[in-house]
């Protein structure tokens, strides 16, 4: 009788255990790109994006309530992020995105939500300081651009990064080379951003409205 009661209590405890929130799991693929969600998810979505791309910002805002909050969270879907960058502010944002680690989803959401503001601020800063900053080494230029645009502030608030962590992000070529390698590969694989690959099948440029039914058909839930 006692054993039955104990077994019943344990069974209830197991049944009541909350499901894992996979949207908070961030890792790296073998190629070094950022992977959000369950590495063993049956639905695997690859997104090529640019942090200065308005269409990417619009996609992120439209997709978040379903893709991030439900399908990635449940573990049915994973999202691999491949930057396809083409200018200094974009490159600086992509480097910071990699360096935020587990806080990548919050950082990316904040960057896209405030894209118009930090991009305009960064453009103004570059116009005022470009002649001086262009004399810096490449990593120092990118760090200065991140600071001037306010991207470093977003990395602190949304990405949870400290100033020393931001310093380390721009201290060596590791993050820079990783972003450049992915961007070089992207240039031969896509026509524009955002572009997608779903379970190994190239979807190409897409809006959330056109991509959502394809994800559902693939098993996202």
C-alpha atoms as a PDB file:
ATOM      1  CA  UNK A   1       0.000   0.000   0.000  1.00  0.00           C
ATOM      2  CA  UNK A   2       2.798   2.409   0.952  1.00  0.00           C
ATOM      3  CA  UNK A   3       4.691   1.521  -2.233  1.00  0.00           C
ATOM      4  CA  UNK A   4       1.567   2.199  -4.310  1.00  0.00           C
ATOM      5  CA  UNK A   5       1.106   5.625  -2.716  1.00  0.00           C
ATOM      6  CA  UNK A   6       4.764   6.536  -3.236  1.00  0.00           C
ATOM      7  CA  UNK A   7       4.633   5.354  -6.827  1.00  0.00           C
ATOM      8  CA  UNK A   8       1.511   7.410  -7.397  1.00  0.00           C
ATOM      9  CA  UNK A   9       3.134  10.532  -5.972  1.00  0.00           C
ATOM     10  CA  UNK A  10       6.252  10.055  -8.100  1.00  0.00           C
ATOM     11  CA  UNK A  11       4.172   9.476 -11.206  1.00  0.00           C
ATOM     12  CA  UNK A  12       2.243  12.652 -10.525  1.00  0.00           C
ATOM     13  CA  UNK A  13       5.457  14.586 -10.048  1.00  0.00           C
ATOM     14  CA  UNK A  14       6.816  13.336 -13.356  1.00  0.00           C
ATOM     15  CA  UNK A  15       3.574  14.169 -15.137  1.00  0.00           C
ATOM     16  CA  UNK A  16       3.595  17.680 -13.686  1.00  0.00           C
ATOM     17  CA  UNK A  17       7.190  18.441 -14.717  1.00  0.00           C
ATOM     18  CA  UNK A  18       7.211  21.341 -17.170  1.00  0.00           C
ATOM     19  CA  UNK A  19       8.272  20.721 -20.732  1.00  0.00           C
ATOM     20  CA  UNK A  20      11.655  22.093 -21.711  1.00  0.00           C
ATOM     21  CA  UNK A  21      11.623  25.544 -23.292  1.00  0.00           C
ATOM     22  CA  UNK A  22      13.801  24.959 -26.341  1.00  0.00           C
ATOM     23  CA  UNK A  23      13.550  28.591 -27.436  1.00  0.00           C
ATOM     24  CA  UNK A  24      16.069  29.404 -24.710  1.00  0.00           C
ATOM     25  CA  UNK A  25      18.599  26.843 -25.971  1.00  0.00           C
ATOM     26  CA  UNK A  26      21.279  28.363 -28.209  1.00  0.00           C
ATOM     27  CA  UNK A  27      24.279  26.491 -29.572  1.00  0.00           C
ATOM     28  CA  UNK A  28      26.609  26.320 -32.539  1.00  0.00           C
ATOM     29  CA  UNK A  29      26.479  24.039 -35.548  1.00  0.00           C
ATOM     30  CA  UNK A  30      29.514  22.132 -36.778  1.00  0.00           C
ATOM     31  CA  UNK A  31      30.030  24.995 -39.226  1.00  0.00           C
ATOM     32  CA  UNK A  32      30.038  27.488 -36.363  1.00  0.00           C
ATOM     33  CA  UNK A  33      26.689  29.147 -37.089  1.00  0.00           C
ATOM     34  CA  UNK A  34      24.143  29.981 -34.386  1.00  0.00           C
ATOM     35  CA  UNK A  35      21.450  27.351 -33.782  1.00  0.00           C
ATOM     36  CA  UNK A  36      18.348  28.188 -31.744  1.00  0.00           C
ATOM     37  CA  UNK A  37      16.230  25.350 -30.394  1.00  0.00           C
ATOM     38  CA  UNK A  38      16.355  21.572 -30.254  1.00  0.00           C
ATOM     39  CA  UNK A  39      19.351  20.249 -32.236  1.00  0.00           C
ATOM     40  CA  UNK A  40      17.347  17.081 -32.914  1.00  0.00           C
ATOM     41  CA  UNK A  41      14.204  18.921 -34.049  1.00  0.00           C
ATOM     42  CA  UNK A  42      12.491  17.168 -36.965  1.00  0.00           C
ATOM     43  CA  UNK A  43      11.836  20.509 -38.664  1.00  0.00           C
ATOM     44  CA  UNK A  44      15.071  22.329 -39.436  1.00  0.00           C
ATOM     45  CA  UNK A  45      14.871  25.872 -40.736  1.00  0.00           C
ATOM     46  CA  UNK A  46      17.911  27.813 -41.963  1.00  0.00           C
ATOM     47  CA  UNK A  47      17.585  31.574 -42.312  1.00  0.00           C
ATOM     48  CA  UNK A  48      20.004  33.757 -44.245  1.00  0.00           C
ATOM     49  CA  UNK A  49      19.634  37.256 -42.872  1.00  0.00           C
ATOM     50  CA  UNK A  50      21.073  40.738 -42.703  1.00  0.00           C
ATOM     51  CA  UNK A  51      20.662  42.859 -39.591  1.00  0.00           C
ATOM     52  CA  UNK A  52      20.159  45.994 -41.699  1.00  0.00           C
ATOM     53  CA  UNK A  53      17.533  44.346 -43.933  1.00  0.00           C
ATOM     54  CA  UNK A  54      13.996  45.757 -43.364  1.00  0.00           C
ATOM     55  CA  UNK A  55      12.441  42.586 -44.795  1.00  0.00           C
ATOM     56  CA  UNK A  56      14.343  40.538 -42.192  1.00  0.00           C
ATOM     57  CA  UNK A  57      13.026  42.803 -39.444  1.00  0.00           C
ATOM     58  CA  UNK A  58       9.479  42.421 -40.761  1.00  0.00           C
ATOM     59  CA  UNK A  59       9.842  38.633 -40.951  1.00  0.00           C
ATOM     60  CA  UNK A  60      11.155  38.409 -37.372  1.00  0.00           C
ATOM     61  CA  UNK A  61       8.280  40.504 -36.019  1.00  0.00           C
ATOM     62  CA  UNK A  62       5.641  38.501 -37.898  1.00  0.00           C
ATOM     63  CA  UNK A  63       7.151  35.081 -37.137  1.00  0.00           C
ATOM     64  CA  UNK A  64       7.988  35.515 -33.456  1.00  0.00           C
ATOM     65  CA  UNK A  65       4.557  34.692 -31.914  1.00  0.00           C
ATOM     66  CA  UNK A  66       4.433  31.330 -33.706  1.00  0.00           C
ATOM     67  CA  UNK A  67       7.941  30.342 -34.757  1.00  0.00           C
ATOM     68  CA  UNK A  68       9.862  31.351 -31.642  1.00  0.00           C
ATOM     69  CA  UNK A  69       7.138  31.295 -29.008  1.00  0.00           C
ATOM     70  CA  UNK A  70       5.510  28.006 -30.042  1.00  0.00           C
ATOM     71  CA  UNK A  71       7.351  25.840 -32.543  1.00  0.00           C
ATOM     72  CA  UNK A  72      10.942  26.418 -31.467  1.00  0.00           C
ATOM     73  CA  UNK A  73       9.830  26.449 -27.836  1.00  0.00           C
ATOM     74  CA  UNK A  74       8.147  23.031 -28.207  1.00  0.00           C
ATOM     75  CA  UNK A  75      11.255  21.434 -29.707  1.00  0.00           C
ATOM     76  CA  UNK A  76       9.567  20.590 -33.002  1.00  0.00           C
ATOM     77  CA  UNK A  77      11.538  23.199 -34.933  1.00  0.00           C
ATOM     78  CA  UNK A  78      15.070  24.571 -34.863  1.00  0.00           C
ATOM     79  CA  UNK A  79      16.408  27.741 -36.461  1.00  0.00           C
ATOM     80  CA  UNK A  80      19.924  28.060 -37.821  1.00  0.00           C
ATOM     81  CA  UNK A  81      21.017  31.634 -38.476  1.00  0.00           C
ATOM     82  CA  UNK A  82      23.444  32.380 -41.302  1.00  0.00           C
ATOM     83  CA  UNK A  83      24.410  36.058 -41.648  1.00  0.00           C
ATOM     84  CA  UNK A  84      24.710  37.485 -45.140  1.00  0.00           C
ATOM     85  CA  UNK A  85      26.190  40.890 -44.418  1.00  0.00           C
ATOM     86  CA  UNK A  86      27.430  43.570 -46.744  1.00  0.00           C
ATOM     87  CA  UNK A  87      28.471  46.670 -44.801  1.00  0.00           C
ATOM     88  CA  UNK A  88      30.212  47.635 -41.518  1.00  0.00           C
ATOM     89  CA  UNK A  89      27.160  48.164 -39.294  1.00  0.00           C
ATOM     90  CA  UNK A  90      25.709  44.868 -40.473  1.00  0.00           C
ATOM     91  CA  UNK A  91      29.001  43.115 -39.816  1.00  0.00           C
ATOM     92  CA  UNK A  92      29.311  44.623 -36.332  1.00  0.00           C
ATOM     93  CA  UNK A  93      25.756  43.523 -35.497  1.00  0.00           C
ATOM     94  CA  UNK A  94      26.434  39.991 -36.756  1.00  0.00           C
ATOM     95  CA  UNK A  95      29.580  39.716 -34.635  1.00  0.00           C
ATOM     96  CA  UNK A  96      27.734  40.863 -31.515  1.00  0.00           C
ATOM     97  CA  UNK A  97      24.906  38.442 -32.309  1.00  0.00           C
ATOM     98  CA  UNK A  98      27.337  35.530 -32.245  1.00  0.00           C
ATOM     99  CA  UNK A  99      28.913  36.756 -29.021  1.00  0.00           C
ATOM    100  CA  UNK A 100      25.649  37.014 -27.068  1.00  0.00           C
ATOM    101  CA  UNK A 101      25.528  33.208 -26.779  1.00  0.00           C
ATOM    102  CA  UNK A 102      22.351  32.041 -25.013  1.00  0.00           C
ATOM    103  CA  UNK A 103      20.867  35.534 -25.175  1.00  0.00           C
ATOM    104  CA  UNK A 104      20.959  35.567 -28.976  1.00  0.00           C
ATOM    105  CA  UNK A 105      17.134  35.420 -29.456  1.00  0.00           C
ATOM    106  CA  UNK A 106      16.560  38.437 -27.201  1.00  0.00           C
ATOM    107  CA  UNK A 107      19.407  40.370 -28.819  1.00  0.00           C
ATOM    108  CA  UNK A 108      18.233  39.649 -32.374  1.00  0.00           C
ATOM    109  CA  UNK A 109      14.654  40.588 -31.534  1.00  0.00           C
ATOM    110  CA  UNK A 110      15.791  43.894 -30.003  1.00  0.00           C
ATOM    111  CA  UNK A 111      18.117  44.668 -32.927  1.00  0.00           C
ATOM    112  CA  UNK A 112      15.368  44.135 -35.478  1.00  0.00           C
ATOM    113  CA  UNK A 113      12.738  45.957 -33.410  1.00  0.00           C
ATOM    114  CA  UNK A 114      14.930  49.079 -33.216  1.00  0.00           C
ATOM    115  CA  UNK A 115      16.594  48.666 -36.610  1.00  0.00           C
ATOM    116  CA  UNK A 116      15.512  52.028 -38.030  1.00  0.00           C
ATOM    117  CA  UNK A 117      16.762  53.926 -34.990  1.00  0.00           C
ATOM    118  CA  UNK A 118      20.214  52.385 -34.600  1.00  0.00           C
ATOM    119  CA  UNK A 119      20.836  52.272 -38.338  1.00  0.00           C
ATOM    120  CA  UNK A 120      20.111  55.985 -38.720  1.00  0.00           C
ATOM    121  CA  UNK A 121      22.225  56.759 -35.666  1.00  0.00           C
ATOM    122  CA  UNK A 122      25.044  54.624 -37.055  1.00  0.00           C
ATOM    123  CA  UNK A 123      24.887  56.274 -40.478  1.00  0.00           C
ATOM    124  CA  UNK A 124      25.079  59.720 -38.879  1.00  0.00           C
ATOM    125  CA  UNK A 125      27.974  58.601 -36.696  1.00  0.00           C
ATOM    126  CA  UNK A 126      29.869  57.178 -39.667  1.00  0.00           C
ATOM    127  CA  UNK A 127      29.394  60.361 -41.667  1.00  0.00           C
ATOM    128  CA  UNK A 128      30.737  62.459 -38.791  1.00  0.00           C
ATOM    129  CA  UNK A 129      33.600  60.144 -37.805  1.00  0.00           C
ATOM    130  CA  UNK A 130      34.431  58.106 -40.888  1.00  0.00           C
ATOM    131  CA  UNK A 131      37.604  59.917 -41.895  1.00  0.00           C
ATOM    132  CA  UNK A 132      39.121  59.425 -38.452  1.00  0.00           C
ATOM    133  CA  UNK A 133      37.859  55.912 -37.809  1.00  0.00           C
ATOM    134  CA  UNK A 134      38.980  54.606 -41.198  1.00  0.00           C
ATOM    135  CA  UNK A 135      42.543  54.956 -39.929  1.00  0.00           C
ATOM    136  CA  UNK A 136      41.856  52.325 -37.254  1.00  0.00           C
ATOM    137  CA  UNK A 137      42.519  48.597 -37.692  1.00  0.00           C
ATOM    138  CA  UNK A 138      39.486  46.668 -38.953  1.00  0.00           C
ATOM    139  CA  UNK A 139      38.350  45.286 -35.585  1.00  0.00           C
ATOM    140  CA  UNK A 140      38.706  48.677 -33.911  1.00  0.00           C
ATOM    141  CA  UNK A 141      36.625  50.245 -36.706  1.00  0.00           C
ATOM    142  CA  UNK A 142      33.869  47.690 -36.232  1.00  0.00           C
ATOM    143  CA  UNK A 143      33.865  48.156 -32.472  1.00  0.00           C
ATOM    144  CA  UNK A 144      33.688  51.934 -32.890  1.00  0.00           C
ATOM    145  CA  UNK A 145      30.792  51.533 -35.339  1.00  0.00           C
ATOM    146  CA  UNK A 146      28.952  49.288 -32.875  1.00  0.00           C
ATOM    147  CA  UNK A 147      29.391  51.866 -30.134  1.00  0.00           C
ATOM    148  CA  UNK A 148      28.461  54.778 -32.377  1.00  0.00           C
ATOM    149  CA  UNK A 149      25.255  53.146 -33.613  1.00  0.00           C
ATOM    150  CA  UNK A 150      24.143  52.005 -30.170  1.00  0.00           C
ATOM    151  CA  UNK A 151      24.525  48.311 -30.994  1.00  0.00           C
ATOM    152  CA  UNK A 152      26.835  47.850 -28.014  1.00  0.00           C
ATOM    153  CA  UNK A 153      24.099  49.271 -25.777  1.00  0.00           C
ATOM    154  CA  UNK A 154      21.610  46.737 -27.182  1.00  0.00           C
ATOM    155  CA  UNK A 155      24.154  43.972 -26.569  1.00  0.00           C
ATOM    156  CA  UNK A 156      24.328  45.048 -22.920  1.00  0.00           C
ATOM    157  CA  UNK A 157      20.599  45.434 -22.302  1.00  0.00           C
ATOM    158  CA  UNK A 158      19.060  42.689 -24.464  1.00  0.00           C
ATOM    159  CA  UNK A 159      22.099  40.482 -24.978  1.00  0.00           C
ATOM    160  CA  UNK A 160      23.266  40.510 -21.360  1.00  0.00           C
ATOM    161  CA  UNK A 161      26.848  41.301 -22.378  1.00  0.00           C
ATOM    162  CA  UNK A 162      29.268  43.174 -20.171  1.00  0.00           C
ATOM    163  CA  UNK A 163      31.693  45.730 -21.551  1.00  0.00           C
ATOM    164  CA  UNK A 164      34.616  43.269 -21.151  1.00  0.00           C
ATOM    165  CA  UNK A 165      32.597  40.670 -23.095  1.00  0.00           C
ATOM    166  CA  UNK A 166      32.037  43.169 -25.895  1.00  0.00           C
ATOM    167  CA  UNK A 167      35.749  43.956 -25.834  1.00  0.00           C
ATOM    168  CA  UNK A 168      36.538  40.262 -26.263  1.00  0.00           C
ATOM    169  CA  UNK A 169      34.090  39.961 -29.156  1.00  0.00           C
ATOM    170  CA  UNK A 170      36.119  42.501 -31.135  1.00  0.00           C
ATOM    171  CA  UNK A 171      39.546  41.537 -29.793  1.00  0.00           C
ATOM    172  CA  UNK A 172      40.445  38.810 -32.307  1.00  0.00           C
ATOM    173  CA  UNK A 173      39.548  37.779 -35.846  1.00  0.00           C
ATOM    174  CA  UNK A 174      37.593  34.696 -34.703  1.00  0.00           C
ATOM    175  CA  UNK A 175      34.063  36.137 -34.818  1.00  0.00           C
ATOM    176  CA  UNK A 176      34.852  38.362 -37.787  1.00  0.00           C
ATOM    177  CA  UNK A 177      36.162  35.471 -39.877  1.00  0.00           C
ATOM    178  CA  UNK A 178      33.193  33.282 -38.954  1.00  0.00           C
ATOM    179  CA  UNK A 179      30.727  35.919 -40.129  1.00  0.00           C
ATOM    180  CA  UNK A 180      32.687  36.621 -43.308  1.00  0.00           C
ATOM    181  CA  UNK A 181      32.885  32.911 -44.144  1.00  0.00           C
ATOM    182  CA  UNK A 182      29.118  32.487 -43.834  1.00  0.00           C
ATOM    183  CA  UNK A 183      28.489  35.664 -45.806  1.00  0.00           C
ATOM    184  CA  UNK A 184      30.771  34.518 -48.614  1.00  0.00           C
ATOM    185  CA  UNK A 185      28.942  31.194 -48.800  1.00  0.00           C
ATOM    186  CA  UNK A 186      25.590  32.983 -48.760  1.00  0.00           C
ATOM    187  CA  UNK A 187      26.432  35.145 -51.748  1.00  0.00           C
ATOM    188  CA  UNK A 188      26.524  32.083 -53.966  1.00  0.00           C
ATOM    189  CA  UNK A 189      23.469  30.467 -52.415  1.00  0.00           C
ATOM    190  CA  UNK A 190      20.797  33.168 -52.165  1.00  0.00           C
ATOM    191  CA  UNK A 191      19.285  36.002 -54.172  1.00  0.00           C
ATOM    192  CA  UNK A 192      18.362  38.204 -51.221  1.00  0.00           C
ATOM    193  CA  UNK A 193      17.494  38.309 -47.530  1.00  0.00           C
ATOM    194  CA  UNK A 194      15.748  36.816 -45.784  1.00  0.00           C
ATOM    195  CA  UNK A 195      16.135  33.496 -47.588  1.00  0.00           C
ATOM    196  CA  UNK A 196      15.390  30.059 -46.196  1.00  0.00           C
ATOM    197  CA  UNK A 197      16.254  26.398 -46.407  1.00  0.00           C
ATOM    198  CA  UNK A 198      13.681  24.014 -44.939  1.00  0.00           C
ATOM    199  CA  UNK A 199      14.851  20.474 -44.125  1.00  0.00           C
ATOM    200  CA  UNK A 200      17.564  20.766 -46.754  1.00  0.00           C
ATOM    201  CA  UNK A 201      15.259  22.158 -49.429  1.00  0.00           C
ATOM    202  CA  UNK A 202      15.911  25.667 -50.688  1.00  0.00           C
ATOM    203  CA  UNK A 203      12.832  27.835 -50.229  1.00  0.00           C
ATOM    204  CA  UNK A 204      14.447  31.106 -51.270  1.00  0.00           C
ATOM    205  CA  UNK A 205      13.163  34.518 -50.272  1.00  0.00           C
ATOM    206  CA  UNK A 206       9.905  34.299 -48.378  1.00  0.00           C
ATOM    207  CA  UNK A 207       7.553  36.174 -46.107  1.00  0.00           C
ATOM    208  CA  UNK A 208       6.166  34.656 -42.930  1.00  0.00           C
ATOM    209  CA  UNK A 209       2.763  34.318 -44.630  1.00  0.00           C
ATOM    210  CA  UNK A 210       4.244  32.132 -47.370  1.00  0.00           C
ATOM    211  CA  UNK A 211       6.649  30.195 -45.144  1.00  0.00           C
ATOM    212  CA  UNK A 212       4.289  29.362 -42.269  1.00  0.00           C
ATOM    213  CA  UNK A 213       2.143  26.791 -44.164  1.00  0.00           C
ATOM    214  CA  UNK A 214       5.302  25.074 -45.408  1.00  0.00           C
ATOM    215  CA  UNK A 215       6.568  24.738 -41.846  1.00  0.00           C
ATOM    216  CA  UNK A 216       3.199  23.346 -40.711  1.00  0.00           C
ATOM    217  CA  UNK A 217       3.225  20.835 -43.560  1.00  0.00           C
ATOM    218  CA  UNK A 218       6.733  19.769 -42.517  1.00  0.00           C
ATOM    219  CA  UNK A 219       5.512  19.016 -38.988  1.00  0.00           C
ATOM    220  CA  UNK A 220       6.038  22.216 -36.972  1.00  0.00           C
ATOM    221  CA  UNK A 221       3.722  22.321 -33.999  1.00  0.00           C
END
